[in-house]
N, C-alpha and C. Protein backbone atom coordinates (compact mmCIF):
# COMPACT_ATOMS: atom_id res chain seq x y z
N MET A 1 5.44 9.47 -11.03
CA MET A 1 5.82 10.26 -9.87
C MET A 1 5.08 9.74 -8.65
N THR A 2 5.81 9.39 -7.62
CA THR A 2 5.21 8.94 -6.37
C THR A 2 4.92 10.16 -5.50
N HIS A 3 3.73 10.21 -4.96
CA HIS A 3 3.32 11.34 -4.13
C HIS A 3 3.61 11.11 -2.65
N PHE A 4 3.72 9.85 -2.23
CA PHE A 4 3.93 9.55 -0.81
C PHE A 4 4.72 8.25 -0.72
N GLN A 5 5.74 8.23 0.12
CA GLN A 5 6.51 7.00 0.35
C GLN A 5 6.25 6.54 1.78
N LEU A 6 6.02 5.24 1.93
CA LEU A 6 5.67 4.67 3.22
C LEU A 6 6.54 3.45 3.48
N ASN A 7 7.26 3.46 4.59
CA ASN A 7 8.10 2.34 4.98
C ASN A 7 7.41 1.58 6.11
N CYS A 8 6.95 0.37 5.79
CA CYS A 8 6.29 -0.47 6.78
C CYS A 8 7.14 -1.69 7.14
N GLU A 9 8.43 -1.61 6.89
CA GLU A 9 9.30 -2.73 7.21
C GLU A 9 9.31 -2.95 8.72
N GLY A 10 9.24 -4.22 9.11
CA GLY A 10 9.25 -4.58 10.52
C GLY A 10 7.88 -4.57 11.17
N MET A 11 6.87 -4.09 10.47
CA MET A 11 5.51 -4.08 11.01
C MET A 11 4.80 -5.38 10.66
N ASN A 12 4.00 -5.88 11.59
CA ASN A 12 3.22 -7.09 11.36
C ASN A 12 1.76 -6.72 11.11
N CYS A 13 1.05 -7.65 10.49
CA CYS A 13 -0.37 -7.49 10.19
C CYS A 13 -1.11 -7.14 11.49
N PRO A 14 -1.96 -6.15 11.47
CA PRO A 14 -2.52 -5.40 10.35
C PRO A 14 -1.86 -4.03 10.14
N MET A 15 -0.76 -3.76 10.81
CA MET A 15 -0.21 -2.40 10.82
C MET A 15 0.18 -1.84 9.45
N PRO A 16 0.74 -2.62 8.51
CA PRO A 16 1.03 -2.02 7.20
C PRO A 16 -0.24 -1.47 6.52
N ILE A 17 -1.34 -2.18 6.63
CA ILE A 17 -2.59 -1.72 6.03
C ILE A 17 -3.16 -0.53 6.81
N VAL A 18 -3.01 -0.54 8.12
CA VAL A 18 -3.45 0.60 8.93
C VAL A 18 -2.69 1.86 8.52
N GLU A 19 -1.38 1.75 8.39
CA GLU A 19 -0.57 2.90 8.00
C GLU A 19 -0.86 3.33 6.56
N LEU A 20 -1.10 2.38 5.69
CA LEU A 20 -1.45 2.68 4.31
C LEU A 20 -2.79 3.42 4.24
N THR A 21 -3.74 3.00 5.04
CA THR A 21 -5.04 3.67 5.09
C THR A 21 -4.90 5.11 5.57
N LYS A 22 -4.09 5.32 6.60
CA LYS A 22 -3.85 6.68 7.11
C LYS A 22 -3.24 7.56 6.02
N ALA A 23 -2.26 7.03 5.32
CA ALA A 23 -1.59 7.80 4.26
C ALA A 23 -2.57 8.11 3.13
N ALA A 24 -3.38 7.14 2.74
CA ALA A 24 -4.32 7.32 1.64
C ALA A 24 -5.33 8.43 1.95
N ARG A 25 -5.68 8.57 3.21
CA ARG A 25 -6.65 9.59 3.60
C ARG A 25 -6.11 11.01 3.44
N THR A 26 -4.79 11.15 3.35
CA THR A 26 -4.20 12.48 3.22
C THR A 26 -3.99 12.88 1.77
N LEU A 27 -4.24 11.95 0.85
CA LEU A 27 -3.99 12.19 -0.57
C LEU A 27 -5.29 12.23 -1.36
N GLU A 28 -5.18 12.62 -2.61
CA GLU A 28 -6.33 12.72 -3.50
C GLU A 28 -6.35 11.56 -4.48
N ALA A 29 -7.51 11.33 -5.07
CA ALA A 29 -7.65 10.32 -6.11
C ALA A 29 -6.67 10.62 -7.24
N GLY A 30 -6.03 9.58 -7.75
CA GLY A 30 -5.06 9.73 -8.83
C GLY A 30 -3.63 9.84 -8.34
N GLN A 31 -3.45 10.13 -7.06
CA GLN A 31 -2.09 10.20 -6.52
C GLN A 31 -1.62 8.79 -6.16
N THR A 32 -0.30 8.65 -5.98
CA THR A 32 0.27 7.33 -5.74
C THR A 32 1.01 7.25 -4.41
N ILE A 33 1.01 6.05 -3.87
CA ILE A 33 1.76 5.74 -2.66
C ILE A 33 2.72 4.61 -3.00
N GLU A 34 3.97 4.77 -2.62
CA GLU A 34 4.97 3.72 -2.76
C GLU A 34 5.22 3.16 -1.37
N VAL A 35 5.07 1.87 -1.20
CA VAL A 35 5.20 1.26 0.12
C VAL A 35 6.13 0.05 0.07
N THR A 36 6.94 -0.08 1.13
CA THR A 36 7.76 -1.28 1.32
C THR A 36 7.31 -1.93 2.62
N ALA A 37 7.30 -3.26 2.62
CA ALA A 37 6.85 -4.00 3.80
C ALA A 37 7.57 -5.34 3.87
N THR A 38 7.65 -5.88 5.07
CA THR A 38 8.27 -7.19 5.28
C THR A 38 7.27 -8.22 5.81
N ASP A 39 6.06 -7.81 6.09
CA ASP A 39 5.02 -8.71 6.60
C ASP A 39 4.68 -9.76 5.54
N LEU A 40 4.67 -11.02 5.92
CA LEU A 40 4.39 -12.10 4.98
C LEU A 40 2.98 -12.04 4.41
N ALA A 41 2.05 -11.45 5.14
CA ALA A 41 0.66 -11.37 4.69
C ALA A 41 0.38 -10.08 3.92
N PHE A 42 1.40 -9.28 3.63
CA PHE A 42 1.16 -7.98 3.02
C PHE A 42 0.48 -8.08 1.65
N LYS A 43 0.93 -8.97 0.79
CA LYS A 43 0.37 -9.05 -0.57
C LYS A 43 -1.13 -9.34 -0.55
N PRO A 44 -1.60 -10.42 0.11
CA PRO A 44 -3.05 -10.65 0.10
C PRO A 44 -3.82 -9.55 0.82
N ASP A 45 -3.24 -9.00 1.88
CA ASP A 45 -3.90 -7.90 2.59
C ASP A 45 -4.02 -6.68 1.68
N LEU A 46 -2.95 -6.36 0.96
CA LEU A 46 -2.95 -5.22 0.06
C LEU A 46 -3.98 -5.41 -1.06
N GLU A 47 -4.02 -6.61 -1.63
CA GLU A 47 -4.97 -6.88 -2.71
C GLU A 47 -6.41 -6.71 -2.24
N ALA A 48 -6.72 -7.23 -1.06
CA ALA A 48 -8.08 -7.09 -0.50
C ALA A 48 -8.40 -5.63 -0.20
N TRP A 49 -7.45 -4.92 0.38
CA TRP A 49 -7.64 -3.50 0.72
C TRP A 49 -7.89 -2.68 -0.54
N ALA A 50 -7.06 -2.88 -1.56
CA ALA A 50 -7.20 -2.11 -2.80
C ALA A 50 -8.55 -2.39 -3.47
N ARG A 51 -8.94 -3.64 -3.50
CA ARG A 51 -10.22 -4.01 -4.11
C ARG A 51 -11.39 -3.37 -3.34
N ARG A 52 -11.34 -3.44 -2.03
CA ARG A 52 -12.41 -2.90 -1.19
C ARG A 52 -12.50 -1.38 -1.28
N MET A 53 -11.33 -0.72 -1.38
CA MET A 53 -11.29 0.74 -1.34
C MET A 53 -11.32 1.39 -2.73
N GLY A 54 -11.22 0.60 -3.78
CA GLY A 54 -11.28 1.15 -5.13
C GLY A 54 -9.95 1.70 -5.63
N HIS A 55 -8.84 1.20 -5.08
CA HIS A 55 -7.51 1.63 -5.50
C HIS A 55 -6.92 0.59 -6.45
N THR A 56 -5.86 0.97 -7.16
CA THR A 56 -5.22 0.09 -8.13
C THR A 56 -3.76 -0.16 -7.74
N ILE A 57 -3.37 -1.42 -7.71
CA ILE A 57 -1.97 -1.76 -7.48
C ILE A 57 -1.29 -1.70 -8.84
N GLU A 58 -0.48 -0.66 -9.04
CA GLU A 58 0.18 -0.49 -10.34
C GLU A 58 1.42 -1.35 -10.48
N GLN A 59 2.08 -1.63 -9.35
CA GLN A 59 3.29 -2.45 -9.39
C GLN A 59 3.42 -3.17 -8.07
N PHE A 60 3.86 -4.43 -8.12
CA PHE A 60 4.13 -5.19 -6.90
C PHE A 60 5.31 -6.11 -7.18
N ASP A 61 6.33 -6.00 -6.34
CA ASP A 61 7.52 -6.85 -6.46
C ASP A 61 7.89 -7.38 -5.09
N GLU A 62 8.47 -8.58 -5.07
CA GLU A 62 9.00 -9.15 -3.84
C GLU A 62 10.44 -9.57 -4.10
N ALA A 63 11.33 -9.16 -3.20
CA ALA A 63 12.73 -9.55 -3.29
C ALA A 63 13.37 -9.43 -1.92
N ASP A 64 14.22 -10.37 -1.59
CA ASP A 64 14.96 -10.33 -0.32
C ASP A 64 14.02 -10.14 0.87
N GLU A 65 12.91 -10.88 0.87
CA GLU A 65 11.93 -10.84 1.96
C GLU A 65 11.27 -9.48 2.16
N LYS A 66 11.32 -8.64 1.13
CA LYS A 66 10.66 -7.34 1.17
C LYS A 66 9.67 -7.26 0.03
N SER A 67 8.54 -6.64 0.33
CA SER A 67 7.55 -6.36 -0.70
C SER A 67 7.63 -4.87 -1.03
N HIS A 68 7.45 -4.56 -2.30
CA HIS A 68 7.47 -3.18 -2.76
C HIS A 68 6.26 -3.00 -3.66
N ALA A 69 5.44 -2.00 -3.35
CA ALA A 69 4.23 -1.77 -4.14
C ALA A 69 4.05 -0.30 -4.44
N ILE A 70 3.43 -0.05 -5.59
CA ILE A 70 2.99 1.30 -5.94
C ILE A 70 1.49 1.22 -6.16
N ILE A 71 0.76 2.03 -5.41
CA ILE A 71 -0.69 2.01 -5.44
C ILE A 71 -1.19 3.35 -5.95
N CYS A 72 -2.09 3.32 -6.92
CA CYS A 72 -2.74 4.53 -7.41
C CYS A 72 -4.10 4.61 -6.72
N LEU A 73 -4.34 5.73 -6.07
CA LEU A 73 -5.57 5.88 -5.32
C LEU A 73 -6.74 6.17 -6.25
N GLY A 74 -7.84 5.49 -5.97
CA GLY A 74 -9.09 5.73 -6.68
C GLY A 74 -9.92 6.70 -5.86
N SER A 75 -11.21 6.62 -6.00
CA SER A 75 -12.08 7.51 -5.24
C SER A 75 -12.02 7.15 -3.75
N LYS A 76 -12.17 8.16 -2.91
CA LYS A 76 -12.13 7.91 -1.47
C LYS A 76 -13.46 7.31 -1.04
N LYS A 77 -13.36 6.31 -0.14
CA LYS A 77 -14.57 5.67 0.39
C LYS A 77 -14.57 5.79 1.89
């Protein structure tokens, strides 16, 4: 079950991560965010963000120039 859906299509770096950070602050540990993005740097940015913040990328797919990810939030930092 996804707790929050975030559409970051059309946003360039760093805005998808900025919006993801804002959304994560409104949720609790264990909840999930589903995000779509078109930024070419989204995957490495997401991986670095998740590692730094203690979150887990449960799913990541790329198709038709869109990235789709499901992130499970860890402890808030």
